[in-house]
Protein backbone atom coordinates (compact mmCIF):
# COMPACT_ATOMS: atom_id res chain seq x y z
CA MET A 1 21.53 9.02 -6.57
CA SER A 2 21.69 5.98 -8.86
CA LYS A 3 18.93 5.99 -11.47
CA PHE A 4 18.70 2.20 -11.08
CA PHE A 5 17.35 2.47 -7.56
CA LYS A 6 15.04 5.45 -8.07
CA VAL A 7 12.54 2.66 -8.63
CA TRP A 8 12.50 2.01 -4.87
CA LEU A 9 11.82 5.59 -3.75
CA PRO A 10 8.02 5.18 -4.05
CA LEU A 11 8.27 2.37 -1.48
CA ILE A 12 9.93 4.74 0.98
CA ILE A 13 7.19 7.28 0.30
CA ILE A 14 4.35 4.78 0.60
CA VAL A 15 5.64 3.28 3.86
CA GLY A 16 6.22 6.76 5.26
CA ALA A 17 2.70 7.79 4.28
CA VAL A 18 1.25 4.73 5.99
CA ALA A 19 3.28 5.45 9.13
CA GLY A 20 2.11 9.04 9.11
CA THR A 21 -1.56 8.15 8.85
CA VAL A 22 -1.68 5.28 11.32
CA VAL A 23 -2.79 7.60 14.14
CA VAL A 24 -6.01 8.48 12.31
CA LEU A 25 -6.98 5.03 11.14
CA HIS A 26 -10.02 4.96 13.40
CA ASN A 27 -11.60 7.59 11.14
CA ARG A 28 -11.07 5.60 7.95
CA PRO A 29 -13.27 2.79 6.62
CA THR A 30 -11.88 -0.74 6.64
CA GLU A 31 -10.89 -1.82 3.14
CA GLN A 32 -10.92 -5.33 1.70
CA GLN A 33 -7.65 -7.06 2.58
CA PRO A 34 -5.72 -8.19 -0.52
CA LEU A 35 -4.95 -11.90 -0.43
CA MET A 36 -1.18 -11.26 -0.43
CA PHE A 37 -1.28 -9.58 2.98
CA ARG A 38 -2.51 -12.79 4.59
CA PHE A 39 0.84 -14.53 4.24
CA ILE A 40 3.51 -11.85 3.71
CA GLU A 41 5.37 -12.74 6.91
CA GLU A 42 5.48 -16.41 5.92
CA LYS A 43 6.76 -15.45 2.47
CA ILE A 44 9.48 -13.18 3.89
CA ASN A 45 10.76 -16.01 6.11
CA SER A 46 10.79 -18.51 3.25
CA ILE A 47 13.02 -16.49 0.89
CA ILE A 48 16.62 -17.69 0.83
CA THR A 49 19.30 -15.16 -0.12
CA PRO A 50 21.98 -16.68 -2.40
CA LYS A 51 25.58 -16.01 -1.44
CA PRO A 52 27.46 -13.62 -3.76
CA PRO A 53 30.31 -15.09 -5.86
CA ILE A 54 33.46 -15.85 -3.86
CA GLY A 55 35.89 -16.16 -6.75
CA ASP A 56 36.38 -15.72 -10.48
CA LEU A 57 35.63 -19.11 -11.97
CA ALA A 58 35.26 -20.18 -15.59
CA LEU A 59 31.83 -19.40 -17.01
CA VAL A 60 29.75 -22.51 -17.58
CA ARG A 61 27.10 -21.03 -19.88
CA ASP A 62 26.61 -18.05 -22.18
CA LEU A 63 24.64 -15.29 -20.44
CA ARG A 64 24.40 -12.98 -23.44
CA GLY A 65 20.91 -12.17 -24.65
CA THR A 66 17.57 -10.88 -23.42
CA TRP A 67 15.95 -12.12 -20.21
CA LYS A 68 12.39 -11.22 -19.20
CA SER A 69 9.94 -12.02 -16.41
CA SER A 70 9.10 -15.72 -16.31
CA LEU A 71 5.51 -14.80 -15.45
CA ALA A 72 4.15 -11.48 -16.70
CA GLY A 73 3.61 -9.02 -13.87
CA LYS A 74 5.41 -11.27 -11.36
CA GLY A 75 9.03 -11.11 -12.48
CA ILE A 76 9.77 -9.20 -9.27
CA GLN A 77 7.97 -9.72 -5.98
CA VAL A 78 9.10 -8.05 -2.73
CA TYR A 79 7.55 -8.07 0.73
CA GLY A 80 7.97 -6.10 3.93
CA LYS A 81 6.52 -5.85 7.41
CA PHE A 82 7.26 -2.89 9.68
CA THR A 83 6.23 -1.50 13.05
CA THR A 84 4.83 2.00 12.62
CA GLY A 85 4.11 3.44 16.06
CA PRO A 86 1.31 1.40 17.66
CA GLY A 87 0.48 -0.39 14.41
CA ILE A 88 1.95 -2.70 11.79
CA ALA A 89 2.48 -1.87 8.12
CA THR A 90 2.89 -4.57 5.49
CA VAL A 91 4.08 -3.89 1.95
CA TYR A 92 3.87 -5.93 -1.24
CA GLU A 93 5.22 -4.96 -4.66
CA ASP A 94 5.36 -6.82 -7.94
CA GLY A 95 6.23 -6.00 -11.53
CA ASP A 96 8.30 -6.91 -14.56
CA MET A 97 12.03 -6.88 -15.22
CA GLU A 98 13.91 -7.06 -18.52
CA LEU A 99 17.66 -7.71 -18.50
CA ILE A 100 19.75 -7.45 -21.67
CA ILE A 101 23.34 -8.73 -21.40
CA ASP A 102 25.58 -7.62 -24.25
CA SER A 103 28.93 -9.03 -23.15
CA VAL A 104 30.75 -11.00 -20.45
CA ILE A 105 34.39 -9.98 -20.00
CA ASN A 106 36.63 -10.98 -17.09
CA ASN A 107 33.64 -12.36 -15.18
CA ILE A 108 31.67 -9.13 -15.50
CA ALA A 109 28.39 -9.29 -17.43
CA SER A 110 27.55 -5.88 -18.89
CA GLY A 111 24.26 -4.69 -20.29
CA LYS A 112 21.12 -2.87 -19.25
CA VAL A 113 18.00 -3.43 -17.18
CA ARG A 114 14.46 -2.11 -17.32
CA PHE A 115 11.61 -2.25 -14.78
CA THR A 116 7.96 -1.94 -15.80
CA ASN A 117 4.49 -2.45 -14.26
CA LEU A 118 5.85 -1.95 -10.73
CA CYS A 119 3.08 -1.37 -8.19
CA ALA A 120 3.44 -1.32 -4.39
CA THR A 121 0.53 -1.84 -2.02
CA ALA A 122 0.87 -1.01 1.68
CA GLN A 123 -1.56 -1.84 4.45
CA ALA A 124 -1.48 -0.49 8.01
CA THR A 125 -3.38 -2.04 10.89
CA ILE A 126 -3.65 -0.94 14.49
CA PRO A 127 -5.17 -3.03 17.29
CA LYS A 128 -8.94 -2.51 17.77
CA LEU A 129 -9.01 0.18 15.06
CA LYS A 130 -9.48 0.31 11.32
CA THR A 131 -7.16 -0.70 8.48
CA ILE A 132 -5.95 1.52 5.66
CA THR A 133 -4.61 0.30 2.33
CA THR A 134 -2.72 2.47 -0.16
CA LYS A 135 -1.27 1.68 -3.58
CA LYS A 136 1.33 3.43 -5.74
CA CYS A 137 2.71 2.46 -9.14
CA THR A 138 6.13 3.45 -10.51
CA PRO A 139 6.56 4.75 -14.08
CA ASP A 140 8.62 2.76 -16.56
CA THR A 141 12.28 3.31 -15.63
CA GLY A 142 13.57 3.00 -19.18
CA TYR A 143 16.82 1.12 -19.78
CA LEU A 144 19.53 1.63 -17.17
CA PRO A 145 23.16 0.35 -17.30
CA MET A 146 23.91 -2.79 -15.35
CA GLY A 147 27.08 -4.71 -14.40
CA ILE A 148 26.90 -8.17 -12.83
CA ARG A 149 29.74 -10.18 -11.34
CA VAL A 150 29.62 -13.81 -12.48
CA SER A 151 31.27 -16.78 -10.80
CA GLY A 152 30.33 -20.23 -12.07
CA SER A 153 26.53 -20.12 -12.08
CA ALA A 154 26.32 -17.41 -9.36
CA LEU A 155 25.38 -13.78 -10.10
CA ASP A 156 26.06 -10.75 -7.92
CA PHE A 157 24.25 -7.59 -9.01
CA GLY A 158 25.91 -5.66 -6.18
CA THR A 159 24.58 -3.30 -3.53
CA VAL A 160 23.76 0.35 -4.13
CA SER A 161 23.11 2.92 -1.40
CA ILE A 162 20.82 5.89 -1.89
CA PRO A 163 19.40 8.44 0.56
CA GLY A 164 17.00 6.47 2.73
CA ALA A 165 17.61 2.99 1.30
CA ALA A 166 20.10 0.38 0.10
CA ALA A 167 19.35 -2.47 -2.29
CA SER A 168 21.13 -5.66 -3.29
CA MET A 169 20.44 -8.57 -5.67
CA GLN A 170 22.04 -12.00 -5.97
CA GLY A 171 21.04 -14.99 -8.04
CA THR A 172 21.93 -18.04 -10.08
CA TYR A 173 21.40 -18.99 -13.70
CA THR A 174 20.96 -21.98 -15.96
CA THR A 175 20.82 -22.07 -19.74
CA ASP A 176 17.35 -20.51 -19.84
CA ILE A 177 16.51 -19.22 -16.35
CA ILE A 178 17.84 -16.56 -13.96
CA THR A 179 16.43 -16.60 -10.46
CA GLY A 180 17.46 -14.95 -7.23
CA SER A 181 16.61 -12.77 -4.27
CA MET A 182 16.66 -9.05 -3.61
CA THR A 183 16.68 -6.99 -0.43
CA VAL A 184 15.75 -3.31 -0.23
CA THR A 185 16.72 -1.84 3.16
CA LEU A 186 14.81 1.16 4.49
CA PRO A 187 16.76 2.21 7.62
CA ALA A 188 13.81 3.94 9.25
CA TYR A 189 11.60 0.85 8.90
CA GLY A 190 13.36 -2.40 7.95
CA ALA A 191 13.91 -4.50 4.84
CA LEU A 192 11.78 -5.41 1.87
CA LYS A 193 12.75 -8.92 0.88
CA GLY A 194 11.80 -10.67 -2.33
CA GLU A 195 12.55 -12.70 -5.41
CA PHE A 196 13.05 -12.21 -9.14
CA HIS A 197 12.58 -14.79 -11.91
CA LEU A 198 13.69 -14.27 -15.52
CA MET A 199 13.57 -16.46 -18.63
CA ARG A 200 15.76 -16.26 -21.72
CA GLN A 201 13.87 -14.92 -24.74
């Protein structure tokens, strides 16, 4: 299993836990609904996935350097909505991302990436019964190797498959900003869809 995507395993666990407990929600007290859950579906539908690079074009800017979350704690935001038996589970996760690019050779940007402050919150609701909310945070991943295909101003971080999930990231960059979308697919449930925003340091 790729170390890079071990970061997503807690999401599989948290969604599975919500699905497993949905049948006993009527015995649990209703918890305050976090604001994010009120518009997750709208957010999912509004995210546009950039197309991956289609050719090897001349680089237009220098990518080398350190890139960090544009807004602390919100560098990554992903959302999901799944049917779990008779109920619906929604998931929201945010956190920080640091990308260090050491070199760009033959349209491949090489470096390392680090994820911190990642916390996922899942909420399950079932008609006429109670709601349960659970939260799980992921430990600091440390620095992990990263290779990105670059074409013009387009970035393709690739797709990696692991047991129970597959994840992909695409984006674009300017002189000082990297922005893009990411999709984490959980075959048993659906896809977590979100965005990432980085700023050159």
